[in-house]
Each structure stands twice: as C-alpha cells, then as structure tokens.
Amino acid sequence: MRIIVCIKQVPDVTEVKIDPKTNTLIREGVPSIMNPYDLHAVEAALQIKEVTSGKVTAVTMGPLQAEEVLREAISMGVDDAVLLTDRRFAGADTWATAYTLSKAAKKIGFDLIICGKQAIDGDTAQVGPEMAEFLEIPHVAYVRKIEKIDSQEMIVERLMDDCYEKIWICLPALITVVKELNNPRPPSIRGKMMAKKAVIPRWNADDIEAEQDRIGLKGSPTMVKNIFAPPPRGERRILEGTPDEQVNILLKELRRLGCL
C-alpha cells in the first residue's frame, strides 16, 4: 500500500511576525516544530504500513527549513520524503496549498493520504478535504479510530461533537486524524541516523506541473484583509470568602457595571 502523509512546519512561538505587504506569516528564521496533529498522522501511517507492508512518503510545502520536519518524520520510520519549495508557492491560502499538495500526490502515486485534522497556525481544517476534492477521491475527517484496512477499503470511526460515526470508505481515499487516534512514537536512534543521511528531493512548481495561476498568492481566492493583536484583557479579580460571600460580591460588581 502506498501511503502519503502530509505534514506542516508551524511556528514554535507565542508571537508570530506578519509580512505587512501580504498579511501572511513570516516563517523564515522562526523557530518551528512539526504541527502536533501531523505527528498523529505520521503514527497512523506507520501503523498501517506495519499491517499492510506498505510504503510511507511524507510531503510538506514550505521554505528550505521545512526539510527539518521531513527528517523528523523519517526518524520516526517514514520511508522517504518530498519537499515542495518554490517562491511561487509563497502566500498560498488553503485552496492553493491543497491544489499544490494534490499535484504532488498525483506525481508520487497513492492508495491512502493521511493529514492531521488541522494546523495550529491556521486552525482551518480545510486543506485535507480540499485535497480530496482536487483528487476526486472520498475522504473522512476527524478520524479517531481505524477499525479495518486492506488494499481496497477501510472502516473508520469519525469523531463528532457528542458521539462518533462508523464509516466505510473505499480506497484510494484521504482521511484527517485527531489526537485521540494514537500516541506518536519517539524517533529511534537508527531512525535519526537514517534521517540525517537521507537525500530529500526538492520539487518546484514545474516539477509537479502546477498551473502558475493556481499556486501561491496569485492562485489564492481568499486573502487576509487585516491582522492585529487582540486588545489586552481588563483587570482580573479573584473573589475571596465562602461561596455565598463570593456570589454576593459578584452580584454587587455586576450591578455596579450595569450588567444587572
């Protein structure tokens, strides 16, 4: 089974810098980590590989420094990796990102694509499902359990707000996974050595035969109009006393503020 796992390098900081011209994140030179949800996607791919004797390829799109998360994936057990890097990819929204990743997936070939449910820097949860639409394959989002999988089909449980759904899906397909699915394994010593020596190909827009007007900022139908830090919170007060005393204090304060 050919498995592609899509991962993303995200800023490992509480405050990010924004390009004032494009209103997009400045990623170069910023401390970064693998998106936490993607760690669970990698682990899911590796567990399926062990059951089906498959092959796992990790793919990411980003600047040259994004190669670090690909080597981390290899150290966990991924077979090979591809870095999609091109200045023409810069500024892509979820639509253009999904298109670019889908073009790479077509070139690699796959039976199953696995993504984390969302990236912590954007929190849109859109790229995985959009990839499936570009590839014209079925998909299931928020997978919390893989009950059965073989070369033709899989049965999964999808997490809902107050329950879960059991879904049958034929392959090829795409799933996005939640953290409840598994516990990601730590890199092994042998894996770290392999990751250090691994030669990771770098593909640009021409390599994946991407249409120039569908990638990067130019190919993004949505744009950030403005971005700003939220205003600081007002003064916070800890109420003391018994529960009844705290309720009375709270009621007096709400009346003073005109809330009651």
C-alpha atoms as a PDB file:
ATOM      1  CA  MET A   1       0.000   0.000   0.000  1.00  0.00           C
ATOM      2  CA  ARG A   2       1.278   3.444  -0.956  1.00  0.00           C
ATOM      3  CA  ILE A   3       0.627   5.948   1.816  1.00  0.00           C
ATOM      4  CA  ILE A   4       1.247   9.686   1.681  1.00  0.00           C
ATOM      5  CA  VAL A   5       1.288  11.640   4.931  1.00  0.00           C
ATOM      6  CA  CYS A   6       1.043  15.415   4.629  1.00  0.00           C
ATOM      7  CA  ILE A   7       2.838  17.347   7.349  1.00  0.00           C
ATOM      8  CA  LYS A   8       3.466  21.002   8.058  1.00  0.00           C
ATOM      9  CA  GLN A   9       6.111  23.015   9.854  1.00  0.00           C
ATOM     10  CA  VAL A  10       4.496  25.569  12.169  1.00  0.00           C
ATOM     11  CA  PRO A  11       5.957  28.394  14.306  1.00  0.00           C
ATOM     12  CA  ASP A  12       7.037  27.310  17.791  1.00  0.00           C
ATOM     13  CA  VAL A  13       6.407  30.745  19.300  1.00  0.00           C
ATOM     14  CA  THR A  14       3.578  32.522  21.061  1.00  0.00           C
ATOM     15  CA  GLU A  15       4.021  35.672  18.977  1.00  0.00           C
ATOM     16  CA  VAL A  16       4.421  35.463  15.210  1.00  0.00           C
ATOM     17  CA  LYS A  17       5.629  38.089  12.755  1.00  0.00           C
ATOM     18  CA  ILE A  18       3.455  39.138   9.860  1.00  0.00           C
ATOM     19  CA  ASP A  19       4.556  40.437   6.471  1.00  0.00           C
ATOM     20  CA  PRO A  20       2.840  43.869   6.294  1.00  0.00           C
ATOM     21  CA  LYS A  21       2.608  43.700   2.492  1.00  0.00           C
ATOM     22  CA  THR A  22       0.938  40.288   2.171  1.00  0.00           C
ATOM     23  CA  ASN A  23      -0.539  39.823   5.676  1.00  0.00           C
ATOM     24  CA  THR A  24       0.960  36.313   5.734  1.00  0.00           C
ATOM     25  CA  LEU A  25       3.198  34.663   8.329  1.00  0.00           C
ATOM     26  CA  ILE A  26       6.933  35.225   8.113  1.00  0.00           C
ATOM     27  CA  ARG A  27       8.336  31.702   8.506  1.00  0.00           C
ATOM     28  CA  GLU A  28      11.987  32.154   7.581  1.00  0.00           C
ATOM     29  CA  GLY A  29      14.234  32.229  10.619  1.00  0.00           C
ATOM     30  CA  VAL A  30      11.386  31.482  13.059  1.00  0.00           C
ATOM     31  CA  PRO A  31      11.794  28.502  15.474  1.00  0.00           C
ATOM     32  CA  SER A  32       9.489  25.789  14.185  1.00  0.00           C
ATOM     33  CA  ILE A  33       8.096  22.347  15.001  1.00  0.00           C
ATOM     34  CA  MET A  34       6.034  19.712  13.229  1.00  0.00           C
ATOM     35  CA  ASN A  35       2.353  20.504  13.527  1.00  0.00           C
ATOM     36  CA  PRO A  36       1.218  18.414  16.563  1.00  0.00           C
ATOM     37  CA  TYR A  37      -1.780  16.874  14.769  1.00  0.00           C
ATOM     38  CA  ASP A  38       0.539  15.746  11.963  1.00  0.00           C
ATOM     39  CA  LEU A  39       2.532  13.651  14.433  1.00  0.00           C
ATOM     40  CA  HIS A  40      -0.615  11.551  14.858  1.00  0.00           C
ATOM     41  CA  ALA A  41      -0.971  11.363  11.076  1.00  0.00           C
ATOM     42  CA  VAL A  42       2.595  10.048  10.792  1.00  0.00           C
ATOM     43  CA  GLU A  43       1.965   7.458  13.518  1.00  0.00           C
ATOM     44  CA  ALA A  44      -1.242   6.331  11.784  1.00  0.00           C
ATOM     45  CA  ALA A  45       0.642   5.918   8.501  1.00  0.00           C
ATOM     46  CA  LEU A  46       3.366   3.881  10.191  1.00  0.00           C
ATOM     47  CA  GLN A  47       0.868   1.585  11.912  1.00  0.00           C
ATOM     48  CA  ILE A  48      -0.919   0.948   8.605  1.00  0.00           C
ATOM     49  CA  LYS A  49       2.447   0.305   6.949  1.00  0.00           C
ATOM     50  CA  GLU A  50       3.209  -2.355   9.550  1.00  0.00           C
ATOM     51  CA  VAL A  51      -0.106  -4.115   8.891  1.00  0.00           C
ATOM     52  CA  THR A  52      -0.118  -3.888   5.085  1.00  0.00           C
ATOM     53  CA  SER A  53       3.636  -3.962   4.317  1.00  0.00           C
ATOM     54  CA  GLY A  54       3.222  -0.611   2.637  1.00  0.00           C
ATOM     55  CA  LYS A  55       5.416   2.386   1.941  1.00  0.00           C
ATOM     56  CA  VAL A  56       5.051   5.819   3.551  1.00  0.00           C
ATOM     57  CA  THR A  57       6.086   9.079   1.893  1.00  0.00           C
ATOM     58  CA  ALA A  58       5.980  12.346   3.845  1.00  0.00           C
ATOM     59  CA  VAL A  59       5.246  15.554   1.933  1.00  0.00           C
ATOM     60  CA  THR A  60       5.404  19.156   3.041  1.00  0.00           C
ATOM     61  CA  MET A  61       5.270  22.545   1.336  1.00  0.00           C
ATOM     62  CA  GLY A  62       7.395  25.391   2.602  1.00  0.00           C
ATOM     63  CA  PRO A  63      10.795  27.098   2.621  1.00  0.00           C
ATOM     64  CA  LEU A  64      14.034  25.122   2.762  1.00  0.00           C
ATOM     65  CA  GLN A  65      13.938  25.000   6.574  1.00  0.00           C
ATOM     66  CA  ALA A  66      10.764  22.863   6.330  1.00  0.00           C
ATOM     67  CA  GLU A  67      13.084  19.980   5.473  1.00  0.00           C
ATOM     68  CA  GLU A  68      13.617  19.626   9.244  1.00  0.00           C
ATOM     69  CA  VAL A  69      10.119  18.196   9.821  1.00  0.00           C
ATOM     70  CA  LEU A  70      10.582  15.760   6.940  1.00  0.00           C
ATOM     71  CA  ARG A  71      13.741  14.432   8.579  1.00  0.00           C
ATOM     72  CA  GLU A  72      11.819  14.135  11.845  1.00  0.00           C
ATOM     73  CA  ALA A  73       9.201  12.036  10.043  1.00  0.00           C
ATOM     74  CA  ILE A  74      11.940   9.822   8.577  1.00  0.00           C
ATOM     75  CA  SER A  75      13.443   9.389  12.045  1.00  0.00           C
ATOM     76  CA  MET A  76      10.048   8.056  13.189  1.00  0.00           C
ATOM     77  CA  GLY A  77      10.002   5.448  10.429  1.00  0.00           C
ATOM     78  CA  VAL A  78       8.750   7.115   7.245  1.00  0.00           C
ATOM     79  CA  ASP A  79      10.408   5.612   4.138  1.00  0.00           C
ATOM     80  CA  ASP A  80      11.045   8.763   2.120  1.00  0.00           C
ATOM     81  CA  ALA A  81      10.018  12.390   1.826  1.00  0.00           C
ATOM     82  CA  VAL A  82       9.476  15.214  -0.649  1.00  0.00           C
ATOM     83  CA  LEU A  83       9.840  18.948  -0.041  1.00  0.00           C
ATOM     84  CA  LEU A  84       7.716  21.239  -2.183  1.00  0.00           C
ATOM     85  CA  THR A  85       9.612  24.503  -2.209  1.00  0.00           C
ATOM     86  CA  ASP A  86       9.343  27.374  -4.658  1.00  0.00           C
ATOM     87  CA  ARG A  87       8.975  31.109  -4.181  1.00  0.00           C
ATOM     88  CA  ARG A  88       5.922  30.841  -6.390  1.00  0.00           C
ATOM     89  CA  PHE A  89       4.223  28.792  -3.642  1.00  0.00           C
ATOM     90  CA  ALA A  90       4.575  31.643  -1.107  1.00  0.00           C
ATOM     91  CA  GLY A  91       1.435  33.244   0.312  1.00  0.00           C
ATOM     92  CA  ALA A  92      -0.837  30.342  -0.596  1.00  0.00           C
ATOM     93  CA  ASP A  93      -4.191  30.082   1.155  1.00  0.00           C
ATOM     94  CA  THR A  94      -5.735  26.690   1.923  1.00  0.00           C
ATOM     95  CA  TRP A  95      -7.139  26.348  -1.602  1.00  0.00           C
ATOM     96  CA  ALA A  96      -3.812  26.958  -3.354  1.00  0.00           C
ATOM     97  CA  THR A  97      -1.986  24.817  -0.779  1.00  0.00           C
ATOM     98  CA  ALA A  98      -4.384  21.906  -1.310  1.00  0.00           C
ATOM     99  CA  TYR A  99      -4.009  22.220  -5.081  1.00  0.00           C
ATOM    100  CA  THR A 100      -0.204  22.144  -4.822  1.00  0.00           C
ATOM    101  CA  LEU A 101      -0.206  19.139  -2.483  1.00  0.00           C
ATOM    102  CA  SER A 102      -2.680  17.300  -4.701  1.00  0.00           C
ATOM    103  CA  LYS A 103      -0.425  17.771  -7.731  1.00  0.00           C
ATOM    104  CA  ALA A 104       2.484  16.308  -5.754  1.00  0.00           C
ATOM    105  CA  ALA A 105       0.307  13.400  -4.594  1.00  0.00           C
ATOM    106  CA  LYS A 106      -0.595  12.586  -8.202  1.00  0.00           C
ATOM    107  CA  LYS A 107       3.076  12.518  -9.157  1.00  0.00           C
ATOM    108  CA  ILE A 108       4.016  10.270  -6.216  1.00  0.00           C
ATOM    109  CA  GLY A 109       1.064   7.889  -6.527  1.00  0.00           C
ATOM    110  CA  PHE A 110      -1.008   6.729  -3.553  1.00  0.00           C
ATOM    111  CA  ASP A 111      -3.659   4.456  -2.134  1.00  0.00           C
ATOM    112  CA  LEU A 112      -4.217   6.487   1.017  1.00  0.00           C
ATOM    113  CA  ILE A 113      -3.441  10.059   2.088  1.00  0.00           C
ATOM    114  CA  ILE A 114      -3.368  10.958   5.780  1.00  0.00           C
ATOM    115  CA  CYS A 115      -3.376  14.500   7.198  1.00  0.00           C
ATOM    116  CA  GLY A 116      -3.658  15.946  10.685  1.00  0.00           C
ATOM    117  CA  LYS A 117      -7.113  17.404  11.260  1.00  0.00           C
ATOM    118  CA  GLN A 118      -5.756  20.979  11.166  1.00  0.00           C
ATOM    119  CA  ALA A 119      -2.637  23.098  11.566  1.00  0.00           C
ATOM    120  CA  ILE A 120      -2.246  25.043  14.811  1.00  0.00           C
ATOM    121  CA  ASP A 121      -1.134  28.206  12.990  1.00  0.00           C
ATOM    122  CA  GLY A 122      -4.253  28.469  10.825  1.00  0.00           C
ATOM    123  CA  ASP A 123      -6.841  26.215  12.508  1.00  0.00           C
ATOM    124  CA  THR A 124      -8.923  25.997   9.322  1.00  0.00           C
ATOM    125  CA  ALA A 125      -9.084  22.173   8.917  1.00  0.00           C
ATOM    126  CA  GLN A 126      -9.626  22.786   5.190  1.00  0.00           C
ATOM    127  CA  VAL A 127      -6.523  21.516   3.381  1.00  0.00           C
ATOM    128  CA  GLY A 128      -7.198  17.778   3.754  1.00  0.00           C
ATOM    129  CA  PRO A 129     -10.792  17.836   2.464  1.00  0.00           C
ATOM    130  CA  GLU A 130      -9.840  20.273  -0.303  1.00  0.00           C
ATOM    131  CA  MET A 131      -7.055  17.922  -1.436  1.00  0.00           C
ATOM    132  CA  ALA A 132      -9.603  15.115  -1.700  1.00  0.00           C
ATOM    133  CA  GLU A 133     -11.822  17.304  -3.865  1.00  0.00           C
ATOM    134  CA  PHE A 134      -8.942  18.167  -6.200  1.00  0.00           C
ATOM    135  CA  LEU A 135      -8.028  14.475  -6.440  1.00  0.00           C
ATOM    136  CA  GLU A 136     -11.693  13.437  -6.774  1.00  0.00           C
ATOM    137  CA  ILE A 137     -11.422  10.781  -4.069  1.00  0.00           C
ATOM    138  CA  PRO A 138     -13.589  10.088  -0.986  1.00  0.00           C
ATOM    139  CA  HIS A 139     -12.481  11.444   2.369  1.00  0.00           C
ATOM    140  CA  VAL A 140     -13.355  11.246   6.053  1.00  0.00           C
ATOM    141  CA  ALA A 141     -12.365  13.984   8.502  1.00  0.00           C
ATOM    142  CA  TYR A 142     -11.723  13.760  12.269  1.00  0.00           C
ATOM    143  CA  VAL A 143     -10.896  10.047  12.298  1.00  0.00           C
ATOM    144  CA  ARG A 144     -10.423   8.796  15.853  1.00  0.00           C
ATOM    145  CA  LYS A 145     -10.083   5.065  15.136  1.00  0.00           C
ATOM    146  CA  ILE A 146      -9.133   2.860  12.202  1.00  0.00           C
ATOM    147  CA  GLU A 147     -11.083  -0.350  12.673  1.00  0.00           C
ATOM    148  CA  LYS A 148     -10.149  -2.177   9.471  1.00  0.00           C
ATOM    149  CA  ILE A 149      -7.995  -1.542   6.404  1.00  0.00           C
ATOM    150  CA  ASP A 150      -6.843  -3.541   3.402  1.00  0.00           C
ATOM    151  CA  SER A 151      -5.874  -2.759  -0.169  1.00  0.00           C
ATOM    152  CA  GLN A 152      -9.420  -1.940  -1.216  1.00  0.00           C
ATOM    153  CA  GLU A 153     -11.328  -0.481   1.723  1.00  0.00           C
ATOM    154  CA  MET A 154     -11.224   0.756   5.294  1.00  0.00           C
ATOM    155  CA  ILE A 155     -13.639   1.192   8.180  1.00  0.00           C
ATOM    156  CA  VAL A 156     -13.071   4.167  10.475  1.00  0.00           C
ATOM    157  CA  GLU A 157     -14.746   5.983  13.329  1.00  0.00           C
ATOM    158  CA  ARG A 158     -15.224   9.724  12.883  1.00  0.00           C
ATOM    159  CA  LEU A 159     -15.335  11.950  15.958  1.00  0.00           C
ATOM    160  CA  MET A 160     -18.462  14.092  16.305  1.00  0.00           C
ATOM    161  CA  ASP A 161     -19.459  16.694  18.912  1.00  0.00           C
ATOM    162  CA  ASP A 162     -21.213  14.247  21.231  1.00  0.00           C
ATOM    163  CA  CYS A 163     -20.783  10.851  19.562  1.00  0.00           C
ATOM    164  CA  TYR A 164     -18.931   9.115  16.750  1.00  0.00           C
ATOM    165  CA  GLU A 165     -19.851   7.681  13.357  1.00  0.00           C
ATOM    166  CA  LYS A 166     -18.600   4.412  11.899  1.00  0.00           C
ATOM    167  CA  ILE A 167     -17.887   4.882   8.190  1.00  0.00           C
ATOM    168  CA  TRP A 168     -16.920   2.505   5.399  1.00  0.00           C
ATOM    169  CA  ILE A 169     -14.769   4.045   2.683  1.00  0.00           C
ATOM    170  CA  CYS A 170     -13.200   2.601  -0.469  1.00  0.00           C
ATOM    171  CA  LEU A 171      -9.609   3.279  -1.500  1.00  0.00           C
ATOM    172  CA  PRO A 172      -7.944   5.381  -2.781  1.00  0.00           C
ATOM    173  CA  ALA A 173      -9.083   7.875  -0.171  1.00  0.00           C
ATOM    174  CA  LEU A 174      -7.984  10.614   2.210  1.00  0.00           C
ATOM    175  CA  ILE A 175      -8.503  10.869   5.961  1.00  0.00           C
ATOM    176  CA  THR A 176      -7.703  13.542   8.519  1.00  0.00           C
ATOM    177  CA  VAL A 177      -6.982  12.357  12.053  1.00  0.00           C
ATOM    178  CA  VAL A 178      -7.420  13.635  15.607  1.00  0.00           C
ATOM    179  CA  LYS A 179      -5.098  13.185  18.570  1.00  0.00           C
ATOM    180  CA  GLU A 180      -7.360  10.534  20.130  1.00  0.00           C
ATOM    181  CA  LEU A 181      -6.310   8.126  17.367  1.00  0.00           C
ATOM    182  CA  ASN A 182      -2.897   7.155  18.764  1.00  0.00           C
ATOM    183  CA  ASN A 183       0.242   8.062  20.692  1.00  0.00           C
ATOM    184  CA  PRO A 184       3.064   9.077  18.320  1.00  0.00           C
ATOM    185  CA  ARG A 185       6.238   7.037  18.730  1.00  0.00           C
ATOM    186  CA  PRO A 186       9.540   8.760  19.539  1.00  0.00           C
ATOM    187  CA  PRO A 187      12.311   8.681  16.924  1.00  0.00           C
ATOM    188  CA  SER A 188      14.712   5.749  17.231  1.00  0.00           C
ATOM    189  CA  ILE A 189      18.500   6.045  17.215  1.00  0.00           C
ATOM    190  CA  ARG A 190      18.608   4.147  13.922  1.00  0.00           C
ATOM    191  CA  GLY A 191      15.853   6.387  12.569  1.00  0.00           C
ATOM    192  CA  LYS A 192      17.786   9.527  13.487  1.00  0.00           C
ATOM    193  CA  MET A 193      20.843   8.215  11.692  1.00  0.00           C
ATOM    194  CA  MET A 194      18.799   7.408   8.590  1.00  0.00           C
ATOM    195  CA  ALA A 195      17.131  10.813   8.701  1.00  0.00           C
ATOM    196  CA  LYS A 196      20.478  12.559   8.879  1.00  0.00           C
ATOM    197  CA  LYS A 197      21.740  10.734   5.781  1.00  0.00           C
ATOM    198  CA  ALA A 198      18.503  10.873   3.798  1.00  0.00           C
ATOM    199  CA  VAL A 199      18.523  12.716   0.476  1.00  0.00           C
ATOM    200  CA  ILE A 200      15.242  14.622   0.266  1.00  0.00           C
ATOM    201  CA  PRO A 201      14.209  15.728  -3.234  1.00  0.00           C
ATOM    202  CA  ARG A 202      13.002  19.285  -3.679  1.00  0.00           C
ATOM    203  CA  TRP A 203      10.218  19.832  -6.172  1.00  0.00           C
ATOM    204  CA  ASN A 204       9.179  23.185  -7.580  1.00  0.00           C
ATOM    205  CA  ALA A 205       6.040  24.186  -9.446  1.00  0.00           C
ATOM    206  CA  ASP A 206       7.388  22.918 -12.770  1.00  0.00           C
ATOM    207  CA  ASP A 207       8.286  19.524 -11.298  1.00  0.00           C
ATOM    208  CA  ILE A 208       4.669  18.859 -10.317  1.00  0.00           C
ATOM    209  CA  GLU A 209       3.277  20.511 -13.469  1.00  0.00           C
ATOM    210  CA  ALA A 210       1.263  23.031 -11.466  1.00  0.00           C
ATOM    211  CA  GLU A 211      -0.647  25.752 -13.279  1.00  0.00           C
ATOM    212  CA  GLN A 212       1.003  29.069 -12.408  1.00  0.00           C
ATOM    213  CA  ASP A 213      -2.257  30.917 -11.792  1.00  0.00           C
ATOM    214  CA  ARG A 214      -3.405  28.325  -9.219  1.00  0.00           C
ATOM    215  CA  ILE A 215      -0.467  28.397  -6.803  1.00  0.00           C
ATOM    216  CA  GLY A 216       0.839  30.784  -4.166  1.00  0.00           C
ATOM    217  CA  LEU A 217      -0.647  34.215  -3.552  1.00  0.00           C
ATOM    218  CA  LYS A 218      -1.703  34.537  -7.184  1.00  0.00           C
ATOM    219  CA  GLY A 219      -3.763  31.362  -7.021  1.00  0.00           C
ATOM    220  CA  SER A 220      -5.394  32.126  -3.666  1.00  0.00           C
ATOM    221  CA  PRO A 221      -9.057  33.192  -3.898  1.00  0.00           C
ATOM    222  CA  THR A 222      -9.010  34.339  -0.261  1.00  0.00           C
ATOM    223  CA  MET A 223      -6.739  36.964   1.255  1.00  0.00           C
ATOM    224  CA  VAL A 224      -6.231  38.384   4.730  1.00  0.00           C
ATOM    225  CA  LYS A 225      -7.507  41.965   4.638  1.00  0.00           C
ATOM    226  CA  ASN A 226      -6.129  42.942   8.030  1.00  0.00           C
ATOM    227  CA  ILE A 227      -4.455  41.318  11.001  1.00  0.00           C
ATOM    228  CA  PHE A 228      -3.979  42.647  14.515  1.00  0.00           C
ATOM    229  CA  ALA A 229      -3.306  41.584  18.082  1.00  0.00           C
ATOM    230  CA  PRO A 230      -6.412  41.394  20.301  1.00  0.00           C
ATOM    231  CA  PRO A 231      -6.704  44.131  22.927  1.00  0.00           C
ATOM    232  CA  PRO A 232      -5.327  43.270  26.363  1.00  0.00           C
ATOM    233  CA  ARG A 233      -7.790  41.845  28.854  1.00  0.00           C
ATOM    234  CA  GLY A 234      -9.156  44.069  31.552  1.00  0.00           C
ATOM    235  CA  GLU A 235      -8.257  43.793  35.195  1.00  0.00           C
ATOM    236  CA  ARG A 236      -8.987  40.410  36.704  1.00  0.00           C
ATOM    237  CA  ARG A 237     -10.058  39.941  40.304  1.00  0.00           C
ATOM    238  CA  ILE A 238     -10.115  36.789  42.424  1.00  0.00           C
ATOM    239  CA  LEU A 239     -13.107  36.663  44.772  1.00  0.00           C
ATOM    240  CA  GLU A 240     -12.431  35.550  48.312  1.00  0.00           C
ATOM    241  CA  GLY A 241     -14.638  34.179  51.076  1.00  0.00           C
ATOM    242  CA  THR A 242     -17.258  31.463  51.214  1.00  0.00           C
ATOM    243  CA  PRO A 243     -19.278  30.581  48.107  1.00  0.00           C
ATOM    244  CA  ASP A 244     -22.224  32.666  49.379  1.00  0.00           C
ATOM    245  CA  GLU A 245     -19.934  35.637  50.046  1.00  0.00           C
ATOM    246  CA  GLN A 246     -18.380  35.314  46.603  1.00  0.00           C
ATOM    247  CA  VAL A 247     -21.848  35.270  44.979  1.00  0.00           C
ATOM    248  CA  ASN A 248     -22.851  38.443  46.853  1.00  0.00           C
ATOM    249  CA  ILE A 249     -19.630  40.187  45.834  1.00  0.00           C
ATOM    250  CA  LEU A 250     -20.154  39.153  42.212  1.00  0.00           C
ATOM    251  CA  LEU A 251     -23.757  40.386  42.192  1.00  0.00           C
ATOM    252  CA  LYS A 252     -22.716  43.776  43.618  1.00  0.00           C
ATOM    253  CA  GLU A 253     -19.983  44.099  40.983  1.00  0.00           C
ATOM    254  CA  LEU A 254     -22.353  43.202  38.143  1.00  0.00           C
ATOM    255  CA  ARG A 255     -24.869  45.791  39.399  1.00  0.00           C
ATOM    256  CA  ARG A 256     -22.116  48.396  39.583  1.00  0.00           C
ATOM    257  CA  LEU A 257     -21.171  47.700  35.986  1.00  0.00           C
ATOM    258  CA  GLY A 258     -24.815  47.916  34.898  1.00  0.00           C
ATOM    259  CA  CYS A 259     -24.999  44.267  33.852  1.00  0.00           C
ATOM    260  CA  LEU A 260     -27.984  43.582  36.130  1.00  0.00           C
END
